[in-house]
Amino acid sequence: MQPPKHSSQMFIENYSCYVHLGCSIEERTHKQEVRFSIQVNFKINPGGEFSDQLEETLCYAKVCNLVNELTETKHFQLIESLTFEVLNSLKKLHPEDGFVVTCHKVHPPVSHLLGGVKYVCAT
């Protein structure tokens, strides 16, 4: 008997990293907190739904490690380019699926901007 057709998504919420980010060299001198939320839209439901085996799905720890590696090794002027680079890296890791990546710069150096700034890229 075939399992019923359904769609599957994974949400990784508020993964916090510190990155050299900012328009000026001075702002990029100190790492700033950014938080990533990532939505994975599986084109084909992961086999892990039925097998309970990690190797048959997208490992969210691997996704977080990829984001961390990017933020540890590079400097960015804009959250737009940081978000786009994360999106492209995820597409290389899992090209068959769709992604929505949100990058939240938690404390931008703008007076009275209390909620930070978010940028979203999607495939």
PDB file of N, CA and C in Angstrom:
ATOM      1  N   MET A   1       0.827  -1.185   0.000  1.00  0.00           N
ATOM      2  CA  MET A   1       0.000   0.000   0.000  1.00  0.00           C
ATOM      3  C   MET A   1       0.877   1.257   0.000  1.00  0.00           C
ATOM      4  N   GLN A   2       0.612   2.184  -0.901  1.00  0.00           N
ATOM      5  CA  GLN A   2       1.356   3.439  -1.010  1.00  0.00           C
ATOM      6  C   GLN A   2       0.936   4.390   0.109  1.00  0.00           C
ATOM      7  N   PRO A   3       1.915   5.099   0.715  1.00  0.00           N
ATOM      8  CA  PRO A   3       1.532   6.133   1.685  1.00  0.00           C
ATOM      9  C   PRO A   3       0.821   7.274   0.955  1.00  0.00           C
ATOM     10  N   PRO A   4      -0.090   7.983   1.635  1.00  0.00           N
ATOM     11  CA  PRO A   4      -0.804   9.073   0.984  1.00  0.00           C
ATOM     12  C   PRO A   4       0.162  10.169   0.538  1.00  0.00           C
ATOM     13  N   LYS A   5      -0.180  10.822  -0.567  1.00  0.00           N
ATOM     14  CA  LYS A   5       0.649  11.928  -1.077  1.00  0.00           C
ATOM     15  C   LYS A   5       0.553  13.095  -0.107  1.00  0.00           C
ATOM     16  N   HIS A   6       1.681  13.699   0.162  1.00  0.00           N
ATOM     17  CA  HIS A   6       1.732  14.882   1.009  1.00  0.00           C
ATOM     18  C   HIS A   6       3.012  15.640   0.709  1.00  0.00           C
ATOM     19  N   SER A   7       3.085  16.862   1.157  1.00  0.00           N
ATOM     20  CA  SER A   7       4.324  17.639   0.990  1.00  0.00           C
ATOM     21  C   SER A   7       4.997  17.770   2.348  1.00  0.00           C
ATOM     22  N   SER A   8       6.311  17.954   2.309  1.00  0.00           N
ATOM     23  CA  SER A   8       7.089  18.041   3.544  1.00  0.00           C
ATOM     24  C   SER A   8       7.962  19.282   3.528  1.00  0.00           C
ATOM     25  N   GLN A   9       8.089  19.874   4.684  1.00  0.00           N
ATOM     26  CA  GLN A   9       8.952  21.038   4.876  1.00  0.00           C
ATOM     27  C   GLN A   9       9.706  20.872   6.182  1.00  0.00           C
ATOM     28  N   MET A  10      10.845  21.548   6.265  1.00  0.00           N
ATOM     29  CA  MET A  10      11.610  21.611   7.504  1.00  0.00           C
ATOM     30  C   MET A  10      11.861  23.085   7.789  1.00  0.00           C
ATOM     31  N   PHE A  11      11.767  23.462   9.056  1.00  0.00           N
ATOM     32  CA  PHE A  11      12.032  24.834   9.466  1.00  0.00           C
ATOM     33  C   PHE A  11      13.148  24.836  10.502  1.00  0.00           C
ATOM     34  N   ILE A  12      14.188  25.587  10.229  1.00  0.00           N
ATOM     35  CA  ILE A  12      15.274  25.809  11.179  1.00  0.00           C
ATOM     36  C   ILE A  12      15.105  27.258  11.630  1.00  0.00           C
ATOM     37  N   GLU A  13      14.855  27.463  12.912  1.00  0.00           N
ATOM     38  CA  GLU A  13      14.481  28.785  13.406  1.00  0.00           C
ATOM     39  C   GLU A  13      15.580  29.420  14.266  1.00  0.00           C
ATOM     40  N   ASN A  14      15.914  30.654  13.929  1.00  0.00           N
ATOM     41  CA  ASN A  14      16.777  31.503  14.756  1.00  0.00           C
ATOM     42  C   ASN A  14      18.122  30.876  15.102  1.00  0.00           C
ATOM     43  N   TYR A  15      18.818  30.380  14.081  1.00  0.00           N
ATOM     44  CA  TYR A  15      20.178  29.884  14.296  1.00  0.00           C
ATOM     45  C   TYR A  15      21.097  31.097  14.405  1.00  0.00           C
ATOM     46  N   SER A  16      21.690  31.298  15.559  1.00  0.00           N
ATOM     47  CA  SER A  16      22.475  32.497  15.851  1.00  0.00           C
ATOM     48  C   SER A  16      23.942  32.302  15.497  1.00  0.00           C
ATOM     49  N   CYS A  17      24.504  33.297  14.789  1.00  0.00           N
ATOM     50  CA  CYS A  17      25.928  33.314  14.430  1.00  0.00           C
ATOM     51  C   CYS A  17      26.458  34.723  14.644  1.00  0.00           C
ATOM     52  N   TYR A  18      27.742  34.826  14.684  1.00  0.00           N
ATOM     53  CA  TYR A  18      28.391  36.138  14.743  1.00  0.00           C
ATOM     54  C   TYR A  18      29.272  36.280  13.509  1.00  0.00           C
ATOM     55  N   VAL A  19      29.132  37.409  12.837  1.00  0.00           N
ATOM     56  CA  VAL A  19      29.786  37.606  11.553  1.00  0.00           C
ATOM     57  C   VAL A  19      30.327  39.027  11.453  1.00  0.00           C
ATOM     58  N   HIS A  20      31.437  39.175  10.740  1.00  0.00           N
ATOM     59  CA  HIS A  20      31.950  40.504  10.411  1.00  0.00           C
ATOM     60  C   HIS A  20      31.053  41.056   9.311  1.00  0.00           C
ATOM     61  N   LEU A  21      30.206  42.017   9.665  1.00  0.00           N
ATOM     62  CA  LEU A  21      29.164  42.503   8.774  1.00  0.00           C
ATOM     63  C   LEU A  21      28.992  43.994   8.958  1.00  0.00           C
ATOM     64  N   GLY A  22      28.938  44.727   7.853  1.00  0.00           N
ATOM     65  CA  GLY A  22      28.655  46.155   7.940  1.00  0.00           C
ATOM     66  C   GLY A  22      29.169  46.901   6.732  1.00  0.00           C
ATOM     67  N   CYS A  23      28.586  48.069   6.517  1.00  0.00           N
ATOM     68  CA  CYS A  23      28.950  48.890   5.354  1.00  0.00           C
ATOM     69  C   CYS A  23      30.357  49.448   5.454  1.00  0.00           C
ATOM     70  N   SER A  24      30.776  49.804   6.649  1.00  0.00           N
ATOM     71  CA  SER A  24      32.107  50.406   6.810  1.00  0.00           C
ATOM     72  C   SER A  24      33.092  49.387   7.375  1.00  0.00           C
ATOM     73  N   ILE A  25      34.362  49.644   7.159  1.00  0.00           N
ATOM     74  CA  ILE A  25      35.407  48.789   7.726  1.00  0.00           C
ATOM     75  C   ILE A  25      35.309  48.802   9.243  1.00  0.00           C
ATOM     76  N   GLU A  26      35.014  49.963   9.789  1.00  0.00           N
ATOM     77  CA  GLU A  26      34.885  50.092  11.245  1.00  0.00           C
ATOM     78  C   GLU A  26      33.772  49.190  11.783  1.00  0.00           C
ATOM     79  N   GLU A  27      32.625  49.172  11.103  1.00  0.00           N
ATOM     80  CA  GLU A  27      31.517  48.340  11.556  1.00  0.00           C
ATOM     81  C   GLU A  27      31.863  46.854  11.435  1.00  0.00           C
ATOM     82  N   ARG A  28      32.629  46.486  10.410  1.00  0.00           N
ATOM     83  CA  ARG A  28      33.004  45.081  10.209  1.00  0.00           C
ATOM     84  C   ARG A  28      34.115  44.624  11.152  1.00  0.00           C
ATOM     85  N   THR A  29      34.714  45.548  11.893  1.00  0.00           N
ATOM     86  CA  THR A  29      35.807  45.201  12.801  1.00  0.00           C
ATOM     87  C   THR A  29      35.364  44.219  13.868  1.00  0.00           C
ATOM     88  N   HIS A  30      34.167  44.414  14.393  1.00  0.00           N
ATOM     89  CA  HIS A  30      33.638  43.549  15.448  1.00  0.00           C
ATOM     90  C   HIS A  30      32.506  42.698  14.897  1.00  0.00           C
ATOM     91  N   LYS A  31      32.495  41.447  15.284  1.00  0.00           N
ATOM     92  CA  LYS A  31      31.429  40.555  14.829  1.00  0.00           C
ATOM     93  C   LYS A  31      30.091  40.997  15.420  1.00  0.00           C
ATOM     94  N   GLN A  32      29.048  40.839  14.605  1.00  0.00           N
ATOM     95  CA  GLN A  32      27.697  41.172  15.015  1.00  0.00           C
ATOM     96  C   GLN A  32      26.822  39.925  14.934  1.00  0.00           C
ATOM     97  N   GLU A  33      25.824  39.887  15.805  1.00  0.00           N
ATOM     98  CA  GLU A  33      24.922  38.745  15.792  1.00  0.00           C
ATOM     99  C   GLU A  33      23.948  38.833  14.623  1.00  0.00           C
ATOM    100  N   VAL A  34      23.814  37.720  13.923  1.00  0.00           N
ATOM    101  CA  VAL A  34      22.758  37.535  12.932  1.00  0.00           C
ATOM    102  C   VAL A  34      22.070  36.216  13.273  1.00  0.00           C
ATOM    103  N   ARG A  35      20.795  36.129  12.923  1.00  0.00           N
ATOM    104  CA  ARG A  35      20.042  34.895  13.144  1.00  0.00           C
ATOM    105  C   ARG A  35      19.432  34.470  11.821  1.00  0.00           C
ATOM    106  N   PHE A  36      19.605  33.206  11.533  1.00  0.00           N
ATOM    107  CA  PHE A  36      19.065  32.647  10.296  1.00  0.00           C
ATOM    108  C   PHE A  36      17.863  31.771  10.598  1.00  0.00           C
ATOM    109  N   SER A  37      16.831  31.950   9.800  1.00  0.00           N
ATOM    110  CA  SER A  37      15.705  31.028   9.778  1.00  0.00           C
ATOM    111  C   SER A  37      15.648  30.480   8.354  1.00  0.00           C
ATOM    112  N   ILE A  38      15.575  29.175   8.258  1.00  0.00           N
ATOM    113  CA  ILE A  38      15.654  28.507   6.963  1.00  0.00           C
ATOM    114  C   ILE A  38      14.470  27.570   6.818  1.00  0.00           C
ATOM    115  N   GLN A  39      13.767  27.725   5.717  1.00  0.00           N
ATOM    116  CA  GLN A  39      12.668  26.823   5.375  1.00  0.00           C
ATOM    117  C   GLN A  39      13.133  25.967   4.211  1.00  0.00           C
ATOM    118  N   VAL A  40      12.986  24.657   4.359  1.00  0.00           N
ATOM    119  CA  VAL A  40      13.320  23.714   3.294  1.00  0.00           C
ATOM    120  C   VAL A  40      12.007  23.157   2.758  1.00  0.00           C
ATOM    121  N   ASN A  41      11.791  23.311   1.459  1.00  0.00           N
ATOM    122  CA  ASN A  41      10.613  22.759   0.797  1.00  0.00           C
ATOM    123  C   ASN A  41      11.066  21.543  -0.004  1.00  0.00           C
ATOM    124  N   PHE A  42      10.801  20.375   0.530  1.00  0.00           N
ATOM    125  CA  PHE A  42      11.248  19.150  -0.123  1.00  0.00           C
ATOM    126  C   PHE A  42      10.419  18.889  -1.371  1.00  0.00           C
ATOM    127  N   LYS A  43      11.096  18.708  -2.487  1.00  0.00           N
ATOM    128  CA  LYS A  43      10.406  18.354  -3.739  1.00  0.00           C
ATOM    129  C   LYS A  43       9.890  16.919  -3.665  1.00  0.00           C
ATOM    130  N   ILE A  44      10.692  16.057  -3.052  1.00  0.00           N
ATOM    131  CA  ILE A  44      10.316  14.666  -2.811  1.00  0.00           C
ATOM    132  C   ILE A  44      10.436  14.441  -1.310  1.00  0.00           C
ATOM    133  N   ASN A  45       9.413  13.898  -0.712  1.00  0.00           N
ATOM    134  CA  ASN A  45       9.441  13.681   0.729  1.00  0.00           C
ATOM    135  C   ASN A  45      10.664  12.852   1.121  1.00  0.00           C
ATOM    136  N   PRO A  46      11.366  13.265   2.165  1.00  0.00           N
ATOM    137  CA  PRO A  46      12.563  12.523   2.576  1.00  0.00           C
ATOM    138  C   PRO A  46      12.220  11.099   3.007  1.00  0.00           C
ATOM    139  N   GLY A  47      13.068  10.185   2.610  1.00  0.00           N
ATOM    140  CA  GLY A  47      12.870   8.789   2.990  1.00  0.00           C
ATOM    141  C   GLY A  47      12.896   8.582   4.488  1.00  0.00           C
ATOM    142  N   GLY A  48      13.539   9.506   5.207  1.00  0.00           N
ATOM    143  CA  GLY A  48      13.614   9.408   6.658  1.00  0.00           C
ATOM    144  C   GLY A  48      12.259   9.437   7.345  1.00  0.00           C
ATOM    145  N   GLU A  49      11.242   9.945   6.651  1.00  0.00           N
ATOM    146  CA  GLU A  49       9.891   9.927   7.233  1.00  0.00           C
ATOM    147  C   GLU A  49       9.447   8.499   7.548  1.00  0.00           C
ATOM    148  N   PHE A  50       9.856   7.567   6.726  1.00  0.00           N
ATOM    149  CA  PHE A  50       9.410   6.187   6.870  1.00  0.00           C
ATOM    150  C   PHE A  50      10.498   5.281   7.446  1.00  0.00           C
ATOM    151  N   SER A  51      11.767   5.596   7.126  1.00  0.00           N
ATOM    152  CA  SER A  51      12.850   4.716   7.565  1.00  0.00           C
ATOM    153  C   SER A  51      13.411   5.085   8.936  1.00  0.00           C
ATOM    154  N   ASP A  52      13.205   6.344   9.350  1.00  0.00           N
ATOM    155  CA  ASP A  52      13.771   6.856  10.604  1.00  0.00           C
ATOM    156  C   ASP A  52      15.299   6.843  10.572  1.00  0.00           C
ATOM    157  N   GLN A  53      15.881   7.018   9.364  1.00  0.00           N
ATOM    158  CA  GLN A  53      17.327   7.011   9.185  1.00  0.00           C
ATOM    159  C   GLN A  53      17.813   8.392   8.752  1.00  0.00           C
ATOM    160  N   LEU A  54      18.780   8.925   9.470  1.00  0.00           N
ATOM    161  CA  LEU A  54      19.307  10.268   9.207  1.00  0.00           C
ATOM    162  C   LEU A  54      19.841  10.425   7.791  1.00  0.00           C
ATOM    163  N   GLU A  55      20.479   9.399   7.276  1.00  0.00           N
ATOM    164  CA  GLU A  55      21.068   9.500   5.937  1.00  0.00           C
ATOM    165  C   GLU A  55      20.023   9.620   4.831  1.00  0.00           C
ATOM    166  N   GLU A  56      18.759   9.465   5.162  1.00  0.00           N
ATOM    167  CA  GLU A  56      17.698   9.575   4.170  1.00  0.00           C
ATOM    168  C   GLU A  56      16.917  10.884   4.271  1.00  0.00           C
ATOM    169  N   THR A  57      17.563  11.884   4.879  1.00  0.00           N
ATOM    170  CA  THR A  57      16.940  13.205   4.961  1.00  0.00           C
ATOM    171  C   THR A  57      18.034  14.263   4.951  1.00  0.00           C
ATOM    172  N   LEU A  58      17.653  15.505   4.989  1.00  0.00           N
ATOM    173  CA  LEU A  58      18.599  16.612   5.095  1.00  0.00           C
ATOM    174  C   LEU A  58      18.883  16.845   6.574  1.00  0.00           C
ATOM    175  N   CYS A  59      20.126  16.685   6.968  1.00  0.00           N
ATOM    176  CA  CYS A  59      20.527  16.827   8.365  1.00  0.00           C
ATOM    177  C   CYS A  59      20.573  18.315   8.721  1.00  0.00           C
ATOM    178  N   TYR A  60      19.759  18.746   9.664  1.00  0.00           N
ATOM    179  CA  TYR A  60      19.738  20.165  10.012  1.00  0.00           C
ATOM    180  C   TYR A  60      21.014  20.606  10.705  1.00  0.00           C
ATOM    181  N   ALA A  61      21.726  19.699  11.361  1.00  0.00           N
ATOM    182  CA  ALA A  61      23.030  20.054  11.937  1.00  0.00           C
ATOM    183  C   ALA A  61      24.023  20.397  10.827  1.00  0.00           C
ATOM    184  N   LYS A  62      23.949  19.676   9.716  1.00  0.00           N
ATOM    185  CA  LYS A  62      24.811  19.947   8.565  1.00  0.00           C
ATOM    186  C   LYS A  62      24.498  21.328   7.977  1.00  0.00           C
ATOM    187  N   VAL A  63      23.212  21.672   7.924  1.00  0.00           N
ATOM    188  CA  VAL A  63      22.796  22.994   7.442  1.00  0.00           C
ATOM    189  C   VAL A  63      23.358  24.078   8.358  1.00  0.00           C
ATOM    190  N   CYS A  64      23.232  23.896   9.660  1.00  0.00           N
ATOM    191  CA  CYS A  64      23.746  24.884  10.617  1.00  0.00           C
ATOM    192  C   CYS A  64      25.264  25.007  10.523  1.00  0.00           C
ATOM    193  N   ASN A  65      25.954  23.894  10.354  1.00  0.00           N
ATOM    194  CA  ASN A  65      27.412  23.932  10.205  1.00  0.00           C
ATOM    195  C   ASN A  65      27.829  24.692   8.951  1.00  0.00           C
ATOM    196  N   LEU A  66      27.086  24.523   7.870  1.00  0.00           N
ATOM    197  CA  LEU A  66      27.361  25.242   6.626  1.00  0.00           C
ATOM    198  C   LEU A  66      27.224  26.749   6.851  1.00  0.00           C
ATOM    199  N   VAL A  67      26.157  27.164   7.513  1.00  0.00           N
ATOM    200  CA  VAL A  67      25.938  28.591   7.805  1.00  0.00           C
ATOM    201  C   VAL A  67      27.055  29.114   8.703  1.00  0.00           C
ATOM    202  N   ASN A  68      27.392  28.351   9.719  1.00  0.00           N
ATOM    203  CA  ASN A  68      28.446  28.767  10.645  1.00  0.00           C
ATOM    204  C   ASN A  68      29.782  28.915   9.934  1.00  0.00           C
ATOM    205  N   GLU A  69      30.104  27.986   9.047  1.00  0.00           N
ATOM    206  CA  GLU A  69      31.366  28.054   8.307  1.00  0.00           C
ATOM    207  C   GLU A  69      31.442  29.318   7.453  1.00  0.00           C
ATOM    208  N   LEU A  70      30.349  29.664   6.797  1.00  0.00           N
ATOM    209  CA  LEU A  70      30.318  30.887   5.989  1.00  0.00           C
ATOM    210  C   LEU A  70      30.519  32.133   6.843  1.00  0.00           C
ATOM    211  N   THR A  71      29.843  32.182   7.982  1.00  0.00           N
ATOM    212  CA  THR A  71      29.939  33.376   8.823  1.00  0.00           C
ATOM    213  C   THR A  71      31.275  33.464   9.550  1.00  0.00           C
ATOM    214  N   GLU A  72      31.926  32.346   9.761  1.00  0.00           N
ATOM    215  CA  GLU A  72      33.237  32.341  10.421  1.00  0.00           C
ATOM    216  C   GLU A  72      34.368  32.745   9.479  1.00  0.00           C
ATOM    217  N   THR A  73      34.222  32.457   8.197  1.00  0.00           N
ATOM    218  CA  THR A  73      35.359  32.595   7.285  1.00  0.00           C
ATOM    219  C   THR A  73      35.299  33.819   6.374  1.00  0.00           C
ATOM    220  N   LYS A  74      34.168  34.498   6.299  1.00  0.00           N
ATOM    221  CA  LYS A  74      34.042  35.611   5.360  1.00  0.00           C
ATOM    222  C   LYS A  74      33.563  36.873   6.058  1.00  0.00           C
ATOM    223  N   HIS A  75      33.838  37.994   5.421  1.00  0.00           N
ATOM    224  CA  HIS A  75      33.321  39.291   5.850  1.00  0.00           C
ATOM    225  C   HIS A  75      32.314  39.752   4.797  1.00  0.00           C
ATOM    226  N   PHE A  76      31.265  40.419   5.240  1.00  0.00           N
ATOM    227  CA  PHE A  76      30.213  40.893   4.343  1.00  0.00           C
ATOM    228  C   PHE A  76      29.888  42.343   4.649  1.00  0.00           C
ATOM    229  N   GLN A  77      29.583  43.099   3.607  1.00  0.00           N
ATOM    230  CA  GLN A  77      29.120  44.463   3.804  1.00  0.00           C
ATOM    231  C   GLN A  77      27.611  44.500   4.029  1.00  0.00           C
ATOM    232  N   LEU A  78      26.879  43.618   3.350  1.00  0.00           N
ATOM    233  CA  LEU A  78      25.421  43.689   3.350  1.00  0.00           C
ATOM    234  C   LEU A  78      24.789  42.359   3.752  1.00  0.00           C
ATOM    235  N   ILE A  79      23.644  42.439   4.455  1.00  0.00           N
ATOM    236  CA  ILE A  79      22.918  41.200   4.758  1.00  0.00           C
ATOM    237  C   ILE A  79      22.365  40.590   3.487  1.00  0.00           C
ATOM    238  N   GLU A  80      22.153  41.397   2.461  1.00  0.00           N
ATOM    239  CA  GLU A  80      21.662  40.867   1.188  1.00  0.00           C
ATOM    240  C   GLU A  80      22.647  39.855   0.604  1.00  0.00           C
ATOM    241  N   SER A  81      23.924  40.217   0.577  1.00  0.00           N
ATOM    242  CA  SER A  81      24.918  39.299   0.000  1.00  0.00           C
ATOM    243  C   SER A  81      25.156  38.097   0.906  1.00  0.00           C
ATOM    244  N   LEU A  82      25.120  38.292   2.212  1.00  0.00           N
ATOM    245  CA  LEU A  82      25.263  37.182   3.153  1.00  0.00           C
ATOM    246  C   LEU A  82      24.115  36.183   2.977  1.00  0.00           C
ATOM    247  N   THR A  83      22.901  36.675   2.905  1.00  0.00           N
ATOM    248  CA  THR A  83      21.731  35.808   2.753  1.00  0.00           C
ATOM    249  C   THR A  83      21.783  35.047   1.438  1.00  0.00           C
ATOM    250  N   PHE A  84      22.146  35.740   0.367  1.00  0.00           N
ATOM    251  CA  PHE A  84      22.234  35.114  -0.953  1.00  0.00           C
ATOM    252  C   PHE A  84      23.313  34.031  -0.979  1.00  0.00           C
ATOM    253  N   GLU A  85      24.432  34.280  -0.318  1.00  0.00           N
ATOM    254  CA  GLU A  85      25.501  33.281  -0.288  1.00  0.00           C
ATOM    255  C   GLU A  85      25.072  32.027   0.484  1.00  0.00           C
ATOM    256  N   VAL A  86      24.350  32.225   1.578  1.00  0.00           N
ATOM    257  CA  VAL A  86      23.827  31.076   2.319  1.00  0.00           C
ATOM    258  C   VAL A  86      22.858  30.286   1.437  1.00  0.00           C
ATOM    259  N   LEU A  87      21.964  30.990   0.756  1.00  0.00           N
ATOM    260  CA  LEU A  87      21.009  30.324  -0.137  1.00  0.00           C
ATOM    261  C   LEU A  87      21.736  29.502  -1.200  1.00  0.00           C
ATOM    262  N   ASN A  88      22.727  30.082  -1.844  1.00  0.00           N
ATOM    263  CA  ASN A  88      23.472  29.363  -2.887  1.00  0.00           C
ATOM    264  C   ASN A  88      24.203  28.146  -2.331  1.00  0.00           C
ATOM    265  N   SER A  89      24.747  28.266  -1.146  1.00  0.00           N
ATOM    266  CA  SER A  89      25.437  27.126  -0.529  1.00  0.00           C
ATOM    267  C   SER A  89      24.467  25.998  -0.207  1.00  0.00           C
ATOM    268  N   LEU A  90      23.268  26.363   0.240  1.00  0.00           N
ATOM    269  CA  LEU A  90      22.255  25.338   0.518  1.00  0.00           C
ATOM    270  C   LEU A  90      21.815  24.638  -0.762  1.00  0.00           C
ATOM    271  N   LYS A  91      21.685  25.393  -1.846  1.00  0.00           N
ATOM    272  CA  LYS A  91      21.305  24.785  -3.131  1.00  0.00           C
ATOM    273  C   LYS A  91      22.370  23.803  -3.612  1.00  0.00           C
ATOM    274  N   LYS A  92      23.631  24.092  -3.330  1.00  0.00           N
ATOM    275  CA  LYS A  92      24.698  23.155  -3.693  1.00  0.00           C
ATOM    276  C   LYS A  92      24.636  21.895  -2.827  1.00  0.00           C
ATOM    277  N   LEU A  93      24.280  22.067  -1.561  1.00  0.00           N
ATOM    278  CA  LEU A  93      24.181  20.935  -0.637  1.00  0.00           C
ATOM    279  C   LEU A  93      23.010  20.025  -0.988  1.00  0.00           C
ATOM    280  N   HIS A  94      21.882  20.619  -1.381  1.00  0.00           N
ATOM    281  CA  HIS A  94      20.658  19.862  -1.644  1.00  0.00           C
ATOM    282  C   HIS A  94      19.937  20.480  -2.839  1.00  0.00           C
ATOM    283  N   PRO A  95      20.467  20.296  -4.059  1.00  0.00           N
ATOM    284  CA  PRO A  95      19.970  21.021  -5.232  1.00  0.00           C
ATOM    285  C   PRO A  95      18.525  20.715  -5.624  1.00  0.00           C
ATOM    286  N   GLU A  96      17.999  19.580  -5.210  1.00  0.00           N
ATOM    287  CA  GLU A  96      16.658  19.206  -5.642  1.00  0.00           C
ATOM    288  C   GLU A  96      15.549  19.899  -4.850  1.00  0.00           C
ATOM    289  N   ASP A  97      15.883  20.575  -3.751  1.00  0.00           N
ATOM    290  CA  ASP A  97      14.857  21.163  -2.896  1.00  0.00           C
ATOM    291  C   ASP A  97      14.833  22.683  -2.995  1.00  0.00           C
ATOM    292  N   GLY A  98      13.750  23.260  -2.524  1.00  0.00           N
ATOM    293  CA  GLY A  98      13.599  24.709  -2.488  1.00  0.00           C
ATOM    294  C   GLY A  98      13.901  25.228  -1.087  1.00  0.00           C
ATOM    295  N   PHE A  99      14.383  26.459  -1.025  1.00  0.00           N
ATOM    296  CA  PHE A  99      14.771  27.051   0.256  1.00  0.00           C
ATOM    297  C   PHE A  99      14.250  28.476   0.361  1.00  0.00           C
ATOM    298  N   VAL A 100      13.933  28.868   1.582  1.00  0.00           N
ATOM    299  CA  VAL A 100      13.674  30.257   1.926  1.00  0.00           C
ATOM    300  C   VAL A 100      14.612  30.579   3.086  1.00  0.00           C
ATOM    301  N   VAL A 101      15.511  31.538   2.884  1.00  0.00           N
ATOM    302  CA  VAL A 101      16.498  31.899   3.897  1.00  0.00           C
ATOM    303  C   VAL A 101      16.216  33.321   4.365  1.00  0.00           C
ATOM    304  N   THR A 102      16.044  33.470   5.674  1.00  0.00           N
ATOM    305  CA  THR A 102      15.866  34.783   6.283  1.00  0.00           C
ATOM    306  C   THR A 102      17.065  35.063   7.167  1.00  0.00           C
ATOM    307  N   CYS A 103      17.685  36.215   6.940  1.00  0.00           N
ATOM    308  CA  CYS A 103      18.805  36.662   7.768  1.00  0.00           C
ATOM    309  C   CYS A 103      18.342  37.878   8.569  1.00  0.00           C
ATOM    310  N   HIS A 104      18.510  37.809   9.869  1.00  0.00           N
ATOM    311  CA  HIS A 104      18.082  38.871  10.775  1.00  0.00           C
ATOM    312  C   HIS A 104      19.319  39.476  11.436  1.00  0.00           C
ATOM    313  N   LYS A 105      19.638  40.715  11.067  1.00  0.00           N
ATOM    314  CA  LYS A 105      20.711  41.462  11.736  1.00  0.00           C
ATOM    315  C   LYS A 105      20.089  42.039  12.995  1.00  0.00           C
ATOM    316  N   VAL A 106      20.449  41.475  14.132  1.00  0.00           N
ATOM    317  CA  VAL A 106      19.738  41.702  15.378  1.00  0.00           C
ATOM    318  C   VAL A 106      19.904  43.123  15.905  1.00  0.00           C
ATOM    319  N   HIS A 107      21.119  43.650  15.856  1.00  0.00           N
ATOM    320  CA  HIS A 107      21.387  44.968  16.441  1.00  0.00           C
ATOM    321  C   HIS A 107      22.149  45.870  15.465  1.00  0.00           C
ATOM    322  N   PRO A 108      21.506  46.305  14.384  1.00  0.00           N
ATOM    323  CA  PRO A 108      22.204  47.209  13.470  1.00  0.00           C
ATOM    324  C   PRO A 108      22.466  48.552  14.146  1.00  0.00           C
ATOM    325  N   PRO A 109      23.544  49.229  13.746  1.00  0.00           N
ATOM    326  CA  PRO A 109      23.905  50.481  14.404  1.00  0.00           C
ATOM    327  C   PRO A 109      23.069  51.666  13.899  1.00  0.00           C
ATOM    328  N   VAL A 110      21.777  51.587  14.102  1.00  0.00           N
ATOM    329  CA  VAL A 110      20.858  52.648  13.689  1.00  0.00           C
ATOM    330  C   VAL A 110      20.027  53.029  14.911  1.00  0.00           C
ATOM    331  N   SER A 111      20.067  54.292  15.267  1.00  0.00           N
ATOM    332  CA  SER A 111      19.328  54.765  16.440  1.00  0.00           C
ATOM    333  C   SER A 111      17.846  54.419  16.329  1.00  0.00           C
ATOM    334  N   HIS A 112      17.297  53.950  17.435  1.00  0.00           N
ATOM    335  CA  HIS A 112      15.874  53.680  17.590  1.00  0.00           C
ATOM    336  C   HIS A 112      15.364  52.486  16.759  1.00  0.00           C
ATOM    337  N   LEU A 113      16.249  51.757  16.097  1.00  0.00           N
ATOM    338  CA  LEU A 113      15.836  50.568  15.344  1.00  0.00           C
ATOM    339  C   LEU A 113      15.919  49.374  16.290  1.00  0.00           C
ATOM    340  N   LEU A 114      14.818  49.058  16.923  1.00  0.00           N
ATOM    341  CA  LEU A 114      14.811  48.090  18.018  1.00  0.00           C
ATOM    342  C   LEU A 114      14.636  46.646  17.564  1.00  0.00           C
ATOM    343  N   GLY A 115      14.024  46.424  16.416  1.00  0.00           N
ATOM    344  CA  GLY A 115      13.749  45.051  15.980  1.00  0.00           C
ATOM    345  C   GLY A 115      14.758  44.504  14.993  1.00  0.00           C
ATOM    346  N   GLY A 116      15.792  45.264  14.687  1.00  0.00           N
ATOM    347  CA  GLY A 116      16.780  44.802  13.733  1.00  0.00           C
ATOM    348  C   GLY A 116      16.252  44.883  12.304  1.00  0.00           C
ATOM    349  N   VAL A 117      16.962  44.211  11.417  1.00  0.00           N
ATOM    350  CA  VAL A 117      16.621  44.216   9.996  1.00  0.00           C
ATOM    351  C   VAL A 117      16.655  42.782   9.494  1.00  0.00           C
ATOM    352  N   LYS A 118      15.688  42.425   8.638  1.00  0.00           N
ATOM    353  CA  LYS A 118      15.654  41.078   8.067  1.00  0.00           C
ATOM    354  C   LYS A 118      15.693  41.193   6.537  1.00  0.00           C
ATOM    355  N   TYR A 119      16.331  40.190   5.943  1.00  0.00           N
ATOM    356  CA  TYR A 119      16.374  40.063   4.488  1.00  0.00           C
ATOM    357  C   TYR A 119      16.060  38.611   4.140  1.00  0.00           C
ATOM    358  N   VAL A 120      15.289  38.423   3.079  1.00  0.00           N
ATOM    359  CA  VAL A 120      14.842  37.074   2.689  1.00  0.00           C
ATOM    360  C   VAL A 120      15.230  36.789   1.243  1.00  0.00           C
ATOM    361  N   CYS A 121      15.788  35.601   1.010  1.00  0.00           N
ATOM    362  CA  CYS A 121      16.052  35.087  -0.342  1.00  0.00           C
ATOM    363  C   CYS A 121      15.390  33.719  -0.454  1.00  0.00           C
ATOM    364  N   ALA A 122      14.859  33.417  -1.631  1.00  0.00           N
ATOM    365  CA  ALA A 122      14.165  32.139  -1.809  1.00  0.00           C
ATOM    366  C   ALA A 122      14.409  31.576  -3.201  1.00  0.00           C
ATOM    367  N   THR A 123      14.301  30.248  -3.302  1.00  0.00           N
ATOM    368  CA  THR A 123      14.350  29.594  -4.598  1.00  0.00           C
ATOM    369  C   THR A 123      12.991  29.005  -4.899  1.00  0.00           C
TER     370      THR A 123
END
